Amino acid sequence: MAEKKTAAKAEKPAVKTAAKSAKAQPRLKALYNAELKAKLAKELGLKNINQVPELKKVIVSSGVGKKREDKRFTETVALTIAKITGQAPTSRLAKKSIATFKIRKGMGAPVGYLTTLRNDRMYEFVDRLINVALPHVRDFHGVSRNAFDAQGNYNLGLKEQTVFPEITFEDAAALHGLEVTFIIKNGSKEGSTKLLELFGMPFEKEAK
């Protein structure tokens, strides 16, 4: 009898491991690994697959500006980031003093909040951003093609948090903007643009 119990206990971890491995990958992640990586290598003329642009992390942040002492507003900003990313943000303190805004370096009140997404949670957020949130932007004509830095990382600004369906009417009482930064490995303006286009990023049309 004791031997049977021991055997049963030994089998449980194997079942959990199998269930964990059976979890489906996020749609964009699976698409990138199955199709987009090889397609990018071909389009960019890269012989080494390890040189292909790859999304490494996404940083979602928001500053609170002059409202840093407004507890309700700062709580709304932190809650927004947590709701749309599924990850609690960290507060940012001032790195330098700005007399105009009465901000002193390292002062107690946060000047903003941010969270860094990686792996599955990153791909899930990018998918929702591109296919759910951006289509809800008013008078939307596409995102800028000129927001890449020298390393091929991309910055996207949103004026209001209400474009995300996770935001309730109560959350929208205090409107604020968001910044989404895409950190891309092996990036360049051309390569990073192609990567995001293949993900479905709706860039503004180029002038003819």
N, C-alpha and C. Protein backbone atom coordinates (compact mmCIF):
# COMPACT_ATOMS: atom_id res chain seq x y z
N MET A 1 0.84 -1.21 0.00
CA MET A 1 0.00 0.00 0.00
C MET A 1 0.86 1.25 0.00
N ALA A 2 1.91 1.21 0.82
CA ALA A 2 2.83 2.36 0.91
C ALA A 2 3.53 2.58 -0.40
N GLU A 3 3.84 1.48 -1.11
CA GLU A 3 4.53 1.58 -2.40
C GLU A 3 3.64 2.27 -3.43
N LYS A 4 2.31 1.96 -3.42
CA LYS A 4 1.38 2.57 -4.36
C LYS A 4 1.28 4.06 -4.14
N LYS A 5 1.23 4.51 -2.86
CA LYS A 5 1.15 5.94 -2.54
C LYS A 5 2.38 6.67 -3.02
N THR A 6 3.55 6.05 -2.83
CA THR A 6 4.81 6.66 -3.27
C THR A 6 4.83 6.83 -4.77
N ALA A 7 4.34 5.82 -5.49
CA ALA A 7 4.30 5.87 -6.96
C ALA A 7 3.37 6.97 -7.44
N ALA A 8 2.23 7.09 -6.75
CA ALA A 8 1.25 8.12 -7.12
C ALA A 8 1.82 9.51 -6.95
N LYS A 9 2.56 9.71 -5.84
CA LYS A 9 3.18 11.02 -5.59
C LYS A 9 4.22 11.34 -6.65
N ALA A 10 4.94 10.34 -7.08
CA ALA A 10 6.00 10.54 -8.06
C ALA A 10 5.44 10.94 -9.42
N GLU A 11 4.19 10.51 -9.71
CA GLU A 11 3.59 10.80 -11.01
C GLU A 11 3.06 12.23 -11.10
N LYS A 12 2.68 12.85 -9.99
CA LYS A 12 2.05 14.17 -10.00
C LYS A 12 2.90 15.26 -10.65
N PRO A 13 4.18 15.40 -10.30
CA PRO A 13 4.98 16.44 -10.93
C PRO A 13 5.04 16.31 -12.44
N ALA A 14 5.07 15.08 -12.95
CA ALA A 14 5.13 14.84 -14.39
C ALA A 14 3.87 15.36 -15.06
N VAL A 15 2.72 15.18 -14.42
CA VAL A 15 1.46 15.67 -14.96
C VAL A 15 1.46 17.18 -15.04
N LYS A 16 1.94 17.85 -13.98
CA LYS A 16 2.00 19.32 -13.95
C LYS A 16 2.94 19.84 -15.02
N THR A 17 4.06 19.19 -15.20
CA THR A 17 5.03 19.61 -16.22
C THR A 17 4.44 19.50 -17.60
N ALA A 18 3.72 18.40 -17.86
CA ALA A 18 3.10 18.20 -19.16
C ALA A 18 2.05 19.26 -19.43
N ALA A 19 1.27 19.61 -18.39
CA ALA A 19 0.22 20.63 -18.54
C ALA A 19 0.84 21.99 -18.83
N LYS A 20 1.96 22.28 -18.17
CA LYS A 20 2.63 23.56 -18.37
C LYS A 20 3.18 23.68 -19.78
N SER A 21 3.79 22.58 -20.29
CA SER A 21 4.38 22.61 -21.62
C SER A 21 3.32 22.68 -22.71
N ALA A 22 2.08 22.23 -22.36
CA ALA A 22 0.99 22.23 -23.34
C ALA A 22 0.36 23.61 -23.51
N LYS A 23 0.71 24.55 -22.66
CA LYS A 23 0.16 25.91 -22.74
C LYS A 23 0.51 26.54 -24.08
N ALA A 24 -0.49 27.08 -24.76
CA ALA A 24 -0.27 27.65 -26.08
C ALA A 24 0.54 28.93 -26.00
N GLN A 25 1.40 29.13 -27.00
CA GLN A 25 2.18 30.35 -27.08
C GLN A 25 1.27 31.50 -27.51
N PRO A 26 1.59 32.75 -27.14
CA PRO A 26 0.84 33.89 -27.64
C PRO A 26 0.87 33.89 -29.17
N ARG A 27 -0.18 34.37 -29.80
CA ARG A 27 -0.31 34.33 -31.26
C ARG A 27 0.89 34.96 -31.98
N LEU A 28 1.29 36.17 -31.56
CA LEU A 28 2.39 36.85 -32.24
C LEU A 28 3.72 36.13 -32.06
N LYS A 29 3.92 35.57 -30.89
CA LYS A 29 5.17 34.85 -30.62
C LYS A 29 5.27 33.61 -31.51
N ALA A 30 4.18 32.87 -31.59
CA ALA A 30 4.15 31.67 -32.43
C ALA A 30 4.34 32.04 -33.90
N LEU A 31 3.70 33.13 -34.32
CA LEU A 31 3.81 33.58 -35.71
C LEU A 31 5.24 34.00 -36.04
N TYR A 32 5.87 34.70 -35.10
CA TYR A 32 7.26 35.14 -35.32
C TYR A 32 8.19 33.94 -35.48
N ASN A 33 8.08 32.99 -34.59
CA ASN A 33 8.96 31.83 -34.62
C ASN A 33 8.71 30.93 -35.82
N ALA A 34 7.44 30.80 -36.23
CA ALA A 34 7.09 29.88 -37.31
C ALA A 34 7.28 30.47 -38.70
N GLU A 35 7.02 31.79 -38.85
CA GLU A 35 7.03 32.38 -40.19
C GLU A 35 7.85 33.67 -40.33
N LEU A 36 7.63 34.59 -39.42
CA LEU A 36 8.17 35.93 -39.61
C LEU A 36 9.69 36.01 -39.54
N LYS A 37 10.30 35.22 -38.69
CA LYS A 37 11.76 35.26 -38.54
C LYS A 37 12.45 34.91 -39.86
N ALA A 38 12.01 33.83 -40.50
CA ALA A 38 12.59 33.42 -41.78
C ALA A 38 12.28 34.44 -42.87
N LYS A 39 11.07 35.01 -42.84
CA LYS A 39 10.67 36.00 -43.83
C LYS A 39 11.51 37.26 -43.71
N LEU A 40 11.77 37.68 -42.48
CA LEU A 40 12.61 38.86 -42.25
C LEU A 40 14.03 38.64 -42.75
N ALA A 41 14.57 37.46 -42.47
CA ALA A 41 15.93 37.14 -42.91
C ALA A 41 16.03 37.25 -44.42
N LYS A 42 15.02 36.76 -45.12
CA LYS A 42 15.01 36.80 -46.59
C LYS A 42 14.88 38.23 -47.10
N GLU A 43 13.94 39.00 -46.53
CA GLU A 43 13.70 40.37 -46.98
C GLU A 43 14.88 41.29 -46.71
N LEU A 44 15.59 41.04 -45.60
CA LEU A 44 16.72 41.90 -45.23
C LEU A 44 18.05 41.37 -45.78
N GLY A 45 18.01 40.23 -46.46
CA GLY A 45 19.22 39.66 -47.03
C GLY A 45 20.20 39.16 -46.00
N LEU A 46 19.69 38.60 -44.92
CA LEU A 46 20.55 38.11 -43.83
C LEU A 46 20.74 36.60 -43.95
N LYS A 47 21.97 36.16 -43.97
CA LYS A 47 22.27 34.73 -44.07
C LYS A 47 22.25 34.07 -42.69
N ASN A 48 22.59 34.84 -41.67
CA ASN A 48 22.61 34.31 -40.30
C ASN A 48 21.28 34.63 -39.61
N ILE A 49 20.53 33.60 -39.24
CA ILE A 49 19.22 33.79 -38.62
C ILE A 49 19.32 34.53 -37.29
N ASN A 50 20.50 34.47 -36.66
CA ASN A 50 20.68 35.16 -35.37
C ASN A 50 20.81 36.67 -35.51
N GLN A 51 20.91 37.16 -36.75
CA GLN A 51 21.01 38.60 -36.99
C GLN A 51 19.65 39.24 -37.27
N VAL A 52 18.61 38.43 -37.28
CA VAL A 52 17.26 38.93 -37.58
C VAL A 52 16.74 39.78 -36.42
N PRO A 53 16.10 40.92 -36.71
CA PRO A 53 15.51 41.75 -35.65
C PRO A 53 14.53 40.95 -34.80
N GLU A 54 14.57 41.17 -33.49
CA GLU A 54 13.71 40.43 -32.57
C GLU A 54 13.28 41.34 -31.42
N LEU A 55 12.02 41.30 -31.10
CA LEU A 55 11.49 42.10 -30.00
C LEU A 55 11.95 41.49 -28.68
N LYS A 56 12.69 42.27 -27.87
CA LYS A 56 13.24 41.75 -26.62
C LYS A 56 12.43 42.16 -25.40
N LYS A 57 11.97 43.42 -25.38
CA LYS A 57 11.14 43.86 -24.26
C LYS A 57 10.34 45.09 -24.66
N VAL A 58 9.28 45.34 -23.93
CA VAL A 58 8.42 46.50 -24.16
C VAL A 58 8.24 47.22 -22.83
N ILE A 59 8.51 48.52 -22.84
CA ILE A 59 8.38 49.32 -21.63
C ILE A 59 7.14 50.22 -21.75
N VAL A 60 6.24 50.10 -20.82
CA VAL A 60 5.03 50.93 -20.80
C VAL A 60 5.17 51.91 -19.63
N SER A 61 5.09 53.21 -19.93
CA SER A 61 5.32 54.21 -18.89
C SER A 61 4.38 55.39 -19.03
N SER A 62 4.32 56.17 -17.96
CA SER A 62 3.53 57.39 -17.97
C SER A 62 4.06 58.34 -16.90
N GLY A 63 4.21 59.60 -17.27
CA GLY A 63 4.64 60.61 -16.32
C GLY A 63 3.43 61.25 -15.67
N VAL A 64 3.60 61.80 -14.49
CA VAL A 64 2.49 62.45 -13.80
C VAL A 64 2.62 63.96 -13.77
N GLY A 65 3.79 64.47 -14.16
CA GLY A 65 3.99 65.91 -14.27
C GLY A 65 3.63 66.71 -13.03
N LYS A 66 2.88 67.78 -13.24
CA LYS A 66 2.52 68.67 -12.14
C LYS A 66 1.53 68.03 -11.16
N LYS A 67 0.93 66.91 -11.56
CA LYS A 67 -0.08 66.26 -10.71
C LYS A 67 0.53 65.20 -9.79
N ARG A 68 1.83 65.25 -9.60
CA ARG A 68 2.50 64.22 -8.78
C ARG A 68 2.01 64.21 -7.33
N GLU A 69 1.46 65.34 -6.85
CA GLU A 69 0.96 65.40 -5.47
C GLU A 69 -0.51 65.00 -5.39
N ASP A 70 -1.14 64.79 -6.54
CA ASP A 70 -2.55 64.40 -6.59
C ASP A 70 -2.63 62.88 -6.47
N LYS A 71 -2.95 62.39 -5.29
CA LYS A 71 -2.94 60.96 -5.01
C LYS A 71 -3.90 60.20 -5.91
N ARG A 72 -5.08 60.77 -6.14
CA ARG A 72 -6.07 60.09 -6.98
C ARG A 72 -5.53 59.92 -8.40
N PHE A 73 -4.88 60.97 -8.90
CA PHE A 73 -4.36 60.92 -10.28
C PHE A 73 -3.22 59.90 -10.39
N THR A 74 -2.28 59.93 -9.45
CA THR A 74 -1.14 59.02 -9.52
C THR A 74 -1.59 57.56 -9.35
N GLU A 75 -2.63 57.35 -8.53
CA GLU A 75 -3.16 56.00 -8.37
C GLU A 75 -3.82 55.51 -9.65
N THR A 76 -4.47 56.44 -10.36
CA THR A 76 -5.10 56.10 -11.63
C THR A 76 -4.05 55.69 -12.66
N VAL A 77 -2.94 56.43 -12.71
CA VAL A 77 -1.86 56.12 -13.65
C VAL A 77 -1.30 54.73 -13.37
N ALA A 78 -1.01 54.46 -12.10
CA ALA A 78 -0.45 53.16 -11.72
C ALA A 78 -1.44 52.03 -12.02
N LEU A 79 -2.73 52.27 -11.76
CA LEU A 79 -3.76 51.27 -12.00
C LEU A 79 -3.92 51.00 -13.49
N THR A 80 -3.85 52.06 -14.29
CA THR A 80 -3.96 51.91 -15.74
C THR A 80 -2.89 50.97 -16.28
N ILE A 81 -1.65 51.23 -15.91
CA ILE A 81 -0.54 50.41 -16.39
C ILE A 81 -0.69 48.97 -15.94
N ALA A 82 -1.12 48.77 -14.70
CA ALA A 82 -1.32 47.41 -14.18
C ALA A 82 -2.42 46.68 -14.95
N LYS A 83 -3.52 47.39 -15.24
CA LYS A 83 -4.65 46.78 -15.92
C LYS A 83 -4.33 46.40 -17.36
N ILE A 84 -3.65 47.28 -18.09
CA ILE A 84 -3.43 47.01 -19.52
C ILE A 84 -2.25 46.07 -19.77
N THR A 85 -1.38 45.92 -18.79
CA THR A 85 -0.22 45.05 -18.99
C THR A 85 -0.30 43.75 -18.19
N GLY A 86 -1.14 43.74 -17.12
CA GLY A 86 -1.21 42.57 -16.26
C GLY A 86 -0.01 42.47 -15.34
N GLN A 87 0.68 43.59 -15.16
CA GLN A 87 1.89 43.61 -14.34
C GLN A 87 1.97 44.92 -13.56
N ALA A 88 2.23 44.84 -12.28
CA ALA A 88 2.29 46.04 -11.44
C ALA A 88 3.47 46.92 -11.85
N PRO A 89 3.26 48.24 -11.97
CA PRO A 89 4.36 49.14 -12.35
C PRO A 89 5.20 49.55 -11.15
N THR A 90 6.36 50.09 -11.42
CA THR A 90 7.21 50.66 -10.37
C THR A 90 7.20 52.17 -10.53
N SER A 91 7.37 52.87 -9.43
CA SER A 91 7.37 54.33 -9.48
C SER A 91 8.75 54.84 -9.85
N ARG A 92 8.78 56.00 -10.50
CA ARG A 92 10.04 56.63 -10.89
C ARG A 92 10.20 57.93 -10.11
N LEU A 93 11.38 58.12 -9.54
CA LEU A 93 11.68 59.37 -8.84
C LEU A 93 12.48 60.27 -9.77
N ALA A 94 12.48 61.54 -9.48
CA ALA A 94 13.18 62.50 -10.32
C ALA A 94 14.69 62.25 -10.33
N LYS A 95 15.28 62.22 -11.53
CA LYS A 95 16.72 62.02 -11.66
C LYS A 95 17.49 63.34 -11.59
N LYS A 96 16.77 64.44 -11.82
CA LYS A 96 17.40 65.75 -11.73
C LYS A 96 16.38 66.78 -11.29
N SER A 97 16.85 67.89 -10.79
CA SER A 97 15.96 68.95 -10.32
C SER A 97 15.47 69.81 -11.47
N ILE A 98 14.16 70.16 -11.45
CA ILE A 98 13.57 71.02 -12.46
C ILE A 98 12.81 72.11 -11.72
N ALA A 99 13.40 73.30 -11.67
CA ALA A 99 12.82 74.40 -10.89
C ALA A 99 11.43 74.79 -11.37
N THR A 100 11.20 74.77 -12.69
CA THR A 100 9.91 75.18 -13.26
C THR A 100 8.75 74.37 -12.69
N PHE A 101 8.98 73.07 -12.48
CA PHE A 101 7.93 72.20 -11.96
C PHE A 101 8.09 71.92 -10.47
N LYS A 102 8.99 72.65 -9.83
CA LYS A 102 9.24 72.50 -8.40
C LYS A 102 9.61 71.05 -8.05
N ILE A 103 10.45 70.47 -8.90
CA ILE A 103 10.89 69.09 -8.71
C ILE A 103 12.34 69.08 -8.26
N ARG A 104 12.61 68.36 -7.18
CA ARG A 104 13.97 68.20 -6.69
C ARG A 104 14.44 66.78 -6.94
N LYS A 105 15.70 66.62 -7.27
CA LYS A 105 16.27 65.30 -7.55
C LYS A 105 16.00 64.34 -6.39
N GLY A 106 15.42 63.17 -6.73
CA GLY A 106 15.16 62.13 -5.73
C GLY A 106 14.04 62.43 -4.76
N MET A 107 13.21 63.45 -5.05
CA MET A 107 12.14 63.82 -4.13
C MET A 107 11.15 62.67 -3.96
N GLY A 108 10.46 62.65 -2.83
CA GLY A 108 9.61 61.53 -2.46
C GLY A 108 8.49 61.21 -3.43
N ALA A 109 7.74 62.23 -3.90
CA ALA A 109 6.60 61.98 -4.78
C ALA A 109 7.09 61.46 -6.13
N PRO A 110 6.48 60.40 -6.67
CA PRO A 110 6.92 59.86 -7.96
C PRO A 110 6.62 60.82 -9.10
N VAL A 111 7.47 60.83 -10.11
CA VAL A 111 7.24 61.67 -11.29
C VAL A 111 6.65 60.83 -12.42
N GLY A 112 6.52 59.53 -12.19
CA GLY A 112 5.94 58.66 -13.20
C GLY A 112 5.97 57.20 -12.77
N TYR A 113 5.39 56.35 -13.64
CA TYR A 113 5.35 54.91 -13.38
C TYR A 113 5.71 54.16 -14.65
N LEU A 114 6.31 53.00 -14.49
CA LEU A 114 6.63 52.19 -15.66
C LEU A 114 6.68 50.72 -15.31
N THR A 115 6.52 49.89 -16.33
CA THR A 115 6.70 48.46 -16.17
C THR A 115 7.34 47.91 -17.43
N THR A 116 8.14 46.86 -17.28
CA THR A 116 8.85 46.26 -18.41
C THR A 116 8.31 44.87 -18.66
N LEU A 117 7.86 44.65 -19.89
CA LEU A 117 7.27 43.37 -20.28
C LEU A 117 8.25 42.56 -21.11
N ARG A 118 8.27 41.26 -20.87
CA ARG A 118 9.13 40.35 -21.63
C ARG A 118 8.36 39.07 -21.96
N ASN A 119 8.88 38.32 -22.91
CA ASN A 119 8.35 36.99 -23.26
C ASN A 119 6.85 37.00 -23.57
N ASP A 120 6.10 36.04 -23.03
CA ASP A 120 4.69 35.87 -23.40
C ASP A 120 3.85 37.11 -23.10
N ARG A 121 4.04 37.69 -21.93
CA ARG A 121 3.24 38.86 -21.55
C ARG A 121 3.50 40.03 -22.50
N MET A 122 4.73 40.15 -22.97
CA MET A 122 5.10 41.20 -23.93
C MET A 122 4.34 41.01 -25.25
N TYR A 123 4.37 39.78 -25.77
CA TYR A 123 3.70 39.51 -27.05
C TYR A 123 2.19 39.68 -26.94
N GLU A 124 1.61 39.28 -25.81
CA GLU A 124 0.17 39.43 -25.62
C GLU A 124 -0.22 40.91 -25.60
N PHE A 125 0.60 41.73 -24.93
CA PHE A 125 0.31 43.16 -24.86
C PHE A 125 0.42 43.80 -26.25
N VAL A 126 1.47 43.48 -26.98
CA VAL A 126 1.68 44.07 -28.32
C VAL A 126 0.52 43.69 -29.25
N ASP A 127 0.06 42.46 -29.16
CA ASP A 127 -1.07 42.01 -29.98
C ASP A 127 -2.32 42.84 -29.69
N ARG A 128 -2.61 43.06 -28.40
CA ARG A 128 -3.79 43.84 -28.02
C ARG A 128 -3.62 45.31 -28.39
N LEU A 129 -2.40 45.82 -28.24
CA LEU A 129 -2.14 47.21 -28.59
C LEU A 129 -2.43 47.47 -30.07
N ILE A 130 -1.88 46.60 -30.92
CA ILE A 130 -2.00 46.78 -32.36
C ILE A 130 -3.41 46.51 -32.88
N ASN A 131 -4.03 45.45 -32.39
CA ASN A 131 -5.30 45.01 -32.97
C ASN A 131 -6.56 45.47 -32.23
N VAL A 132 -6.39 45.95 -30.99
CA VAL A 132 -7.57 46.39 -30.23
C VAL A 132 -7.49 47.87 -29.85
N ALA A 133 -6.36 48.29 -29.26
CA ALA A 133 -6.26 49.67 -28.76
C ALA A 133 -6.11 50.71 -29.88
N LEU A 134 -5.13 50.54 -30.76
CA LEU A 134 -4.88 51.56 -31.79
C LEU A 134 -6.09 51.83 -32.69
N PRO A 135 -6.87 50.81 -33.07
CA PRO A 135 -8.05 51.09 -33.89
C PRO A 135 -9.09 51.97 -33.19
N HIS A 136 -8.96 52.13 -31.85
CA HIS A 136 -9.90 52.97 -31.11
C HIS A 136 -9.42 54.42 -30.95
N VAL A 137 -8.24 54.73 -31.49
CA VAL A 137 -7.73 56.10 -31.41
C VAL A 137 -8.55 56.98 -32.35
N ARG A 138 -9.03 58.09 -31.85
CA ARG A 138 -9.85 58.99 -32.66
C ARG A 138 -9.04 59.64 -33.78
N ASP A 139 -9.66 59.75 -34.96
CA ASP A 139 -9.01 60.38 -36.13
C ASP A 139 -7.63 59.76 -36.38
N PHE A 140 -7.57 58.46 -36.33
CA PHE A 140 -6.29 57.75 -36.44
C PHE A 140 -5.86 57.61 -37.91
N HIS A 141 -4.64 58.01 -38.19
CA HIS A 141 -4.11 57.92 -39.55
C HIS A 141 -2.81 57.12 -39.59
N GLY A 142 -2.55 56.38 -38.56
CA GLY A 142 -1.34 55.58 -38.51
C GLY A 142 -0.31 56.17 -37.56
N VAL A 143 0.60 55.33 -37.10
CA VAL A 143 1.65 55.80 -36.18
C VAL A 143 2.85 56.30 -36.98
N SER A 144 3.63 57.14 -36.37
CA SER A 144 4.77 57.77 -37.06
C SER A 144 5.85 56.76 -37.44
N ARG A 145 6.48 57.00 -38.58
CA ARG A 145 7.61 56.19 -39.03
C ARG A 145 8.94 56.81 -38.57
N ASN A 146 8.85 57.95 -37.91
CA ASN A 146 10.06 58.68 -37.54
C ASN A 146 10.36 58.64 -36.04
N ALA A 147 9.89 57.61 -35.36
CA ALA A 147 10.08 57.53 -33.91
C ALA A 147 11.07 56.44 -33.52
N PHE A 148 11.98 56.10 -34.44
CA PHE A 148 13.02 55.11 -34.16
C PHE A 148 14.29 55.82 -33.69
N ASP A 149 15.01 55.20 -32.76
CA ASP A 149 16.30 55.76 -32.38
C ASP A 149 17.40 55.11 -33.21
N ALA A 150 18.64 55.44 -32.92
CA ALA A 150 19.77 54.94 -33.72
C ALA A 150 19.91 53.42 -33.65
N GLN A 151 19.44 52.80 -32.58
CA GLN A 151 19.54 51.35 -32.42
C GLN A 151 18.34 50.60 -32.99
N GLY A 152 17.37 51.35 -33.52
CA GLY A 152 16.19 50.71 -34.09
C GLY A 152 15.08 50.46 -33.09
N ASN A 153 15.19 51.01 -31.88
CA ASN A 153 14.11 50.91 -30.91
C ASN A 153 13.02 51.92 -31.27
N TYR A 154 11.78 51.61 -30.93
CA TYR A 154 10.66 52.45 -31.37
C TYR A 154 9.86 52.98 -30.19
N ASN A 155 9.48 54.27 -30.26
CA ASN A 155 8.69 54.91 -29.21
C ASN A 155 7.33 55.32 -29.75
N LEU A 156 6.30 54.92 -29.05
CA LEU A 156 4.93 55.22 -29.46
C LEU A 156 4.22 55.93 -28.31
N GLY A 157 3.66 57.08 -28.60
CA GLY A 157 2.94 57.84 -27.58
C GLY A 157 1.43 57.77 -27.79
N LEU A 158 0.68 57.62 -26.71
CA LEU A 158 -0.78 57.62 -26.75
C LEU A 158 -1.28 58.75 -25.87
N LYS A 159 -2.23 59.54 -26.37
CA LYS A 159 -2.72 60.69 -25.61
C LYS A 159 -3.63 60.30 -24.45
N GLU A 160 -4.38 59.22 -24.61
CA GLU A 160 -5.32 58.81 -23.56
C GLU A 160 -5.28 57.31 -23.32
N GLN A 161 -5.51 56.91 -22.09
CA GLN A 161 -5.50 55.50 -21.73
C GLN A 161 -6.79 54.80 -22.10
N THR A 162 -7.81 55.57 -22.50
CA THR A 162 -9.14 55.01 -22.75
C THR A 162 -9.22 54.14 -24.00
N VAL A 163 -8.18 54.11 -24.82
CA VAL A 163 -8.21 53.27 -26.03
C VAL A 163 -8.11 51.79 -25.68
N PHE A 164 -7.72 51.49 -24.45
CA PHE A 164 -7.63 50.09 -24.02
C PHE A 164 -8.96 49.66 -23.42
N PRO A 165 -9.50 48.53 -23.84
CA PRO A 165 -10.82 48.08 -23.34
C PRO A 165 -10.82 47.73 -21.85
N GLU A 166 -9.64 47.50 -21.27
CA GLU A 166 -9.58 47.18 -19.85
C GLU A 166 -9.92 48.37 -18.96
N ILE A 167 -9.87 49.58 -19.53
CA ILE A 167 -10.11 50.80 -18.76
C ILE A 167 -11.60 51.07 -18.63
N THR A 168 -12.07 51.17 -17.39
CA THR A 168 -13.48 51.41 -17.12
C THR A 168 -13.81 52.90 -17.15
N PHE A 169 -15.09 53.20 -17.05
CA PHE A 169 -15.54 54.59 -17.04
C PHE A 169 -14.93 55.33 -15.85
N GLU A 170 -14.87 54.67 -14.71
CA GLU A 170 -14.29 55.29 -13.51
C GLU A 170 -12.80 55.57 -13.71
N ASP A 171 -12.10 54.65 -14.37
CA ASP A 171 -10.67 54.83 -14.62
C ASP A 171 -10.41 56.00 -15.54
N ALA A 172 -11.38 56.31 -16.40
CA ALA A 172 -11.21 57.37 -17.40
C ALA A 172 -11.50 58.76 -16.84
N ALA A 173 -11.89 58.84 -15.57
CA ALA A 173 -12.20 60.13 -14.96
C ALA A 173 -10.96 61.03 -14.93
N ALA A 174 -9.79 60.43 -14.78
CA ALA A 174 -8.53 61.19 -14.79
C ALA A 174 -7.74 60.75 -16.02
N LEU A 175 -7.84 61.52 -17.09
CA LEU A 175 -7.18 61.17 -18.35
C LEU A 175 -5.68 61.41 -18.28
N HIS A 176 -4.93 60.52 -18.90
CA HIS A 176 -3.47 60.70 -18.96
C HIS A 176 -2.91 59.95 -20.16
N GLY A 177 -1.72 60.32 -20.57
CA GLY A 177 -1.08 59.69 -21.71
C GLY A 177 -0.23 58.50 -21.31
N LEU A 178 0.25 57.79 -22.33
CA LEU A 178 1.12 56.63 -22.12
C LEU A 178 2.21 56.63 -23.18
N GLU A 179 3.34 56.07 -22.83
CA GLU A 179 4.41 55.88 -23.80
C GLU A 179 4.79 54.41 -23.83
N VAL A 180 4.87 53.87 -25.03
CA VAL A 180 5.24 52.46 -25.21
C VAL A 180 6.54 52.41 -25.99
N THR A 181 7.57 51.79 -25.40
CA THR A 181 8.88 51.71 -26.04
C THR A 181 9.19 50.26 -26.39
N PHE A 182 9.46 50.03 -27.67
CA PHE A 182 9.78 48.70 -28.16
C PHE A 182 11.30 48.58 -28.25
N ILE A 183 11.90 47.71 -27.45
CA ILE A 183 13.34 47.47 -27.49
C ILE A 183 13.59 46.27 -28.40
N ILE A 184 14.33 46.51 -29.48
CA ILE A 184 14.49 45.50 -30.52
C ILE A 184 15.95 45.09 -30.68
N LYS A 185 16.20 43.81 -30.51
CA LYS A 185 17.55 43.25 -30.70
C LYS A 185 17.87 43.20 -32.20
N ASN A 186 19.11 43.50 -32.55
CA ASN A 186 19.54 43.54 -33.96
C ASN A 186 18.72 44.54 -34.76
N GLY A 187 18.30 45.60 -34.10
CA GLY A 187 17.43 46.56 -34.76
C GLY A 187 18.15 47.59 -35.61
N SER A 188 17.42 48.17 -36.53
CA SER A 188 17.83 49.29 -37.36
C SER A 188 16.52 49.90 -37.82
N LYS A 189 16.54 51.08 -38.40
CA LYS A 189 15.26 51.68 -38.80
C LYS A 189 14.55 50.79 -39.82
N GLU A 190 15.29 50.29 -40.79
CA GLU A 190 14.68 49.43 -41.82
C GLU A 190 14.21 48.11 -41.23
N GLY A 191 15.10 47.43 -40.52
CA GLY A 191 14.76 46.11 -39.98
C GLY A 191 13.66 46.17 -38.94
N SER A 192 13.72 47.16 -38.05
CA SER A 192 12.71 47.28 -37.00
C SER A 192 11.35 47.64 -37.59
N THR A 193 11.36 48.49 -38.63
CA THR A 193 10.11 48.85 -39.30
C THR A 193 9.46 47.62 -39.90
N LYS A 194 10.25 46.81 -40.59
CA LYS A 194 9.72 45.60 -41.21
C LYS A 194 9.18 44.63 -40.16
N LEU A 195 9.88 44.50 -39.05
CA LEU A 195 9.42 43.61 -37.97
C LEU A 195 8.06 44.06 -37.46
N LEU A 196 7.94 45.35 -37.14
CA LEU A 196 6.68 45.85 -36.59
C LEU A 196 5.56 45.82 -37.64
N GLU A 197 5.90 46.05 -38.91
CA GLU A 197 4.90 45.96 -39.97
C GLU A 197 4.35 44.54 -40.07
N LEU A 198 5.23 43.55 -39.96
CA LEU A 198 4.79 42.16 -40.03
C LEU A 198 3.93 41.79 -38.82
N PHE A 199 4.15 42.46 -37.70
CA PHE A 199 3.30 42.26 -36.53
C PHE A 199 1.92 42.90 -36.74
N GLY A 200 1.83 43.80 -37.73
CA GLY A 200 0.56 44.47 -38.01
C GLY A 200 0.52 45.92 -37.58
N MET A 201 1.67 46.49 -37.16
CA MET A 201 1.70 47.89 -36.72
C MET A 201 1.22 48.79 -37.86
N PRO A 202 0.19 49.61 -37.62
CA PRO A 202 -0.36 50.46 -38.67
C PRO A 202 0.40 51.77 -38.84
N PHE A 203 1.53 51.73 -39.54
CA PHE A 203 2.30 52.94 -39.78
C PHE A 203 1.55 53.86 -40.73
N GLU A 204 1.80 55.17 -40.58
CA GLU A 204 1.18 56.13 -41.49
C GLU A 204 1.72 55.90 -42.89
N LYS A 205 0.92 56.19 -43.90
CA LYS A 205 1.34 55.96 -45.28
C LYS A 205 2.43 56.94 -45.66
N GLU A 206 3.41 56.43 -46.40
CA GLU A 206 4.52 57.27 -46.83
C GLU A 206 4.05 58.21 -47.94
N ALA A 207 4.53 59.46 -47.89
CA ALA A 207 4.16 60.43 -48.91
C ALA A 207 4.78 60.04 -50.25
N LYS A 208 4.00 60.12 -51.31
CA LYS A 208 4.50 59.77 -52.64
C LYS A 208 5.19 60.97 -53.31
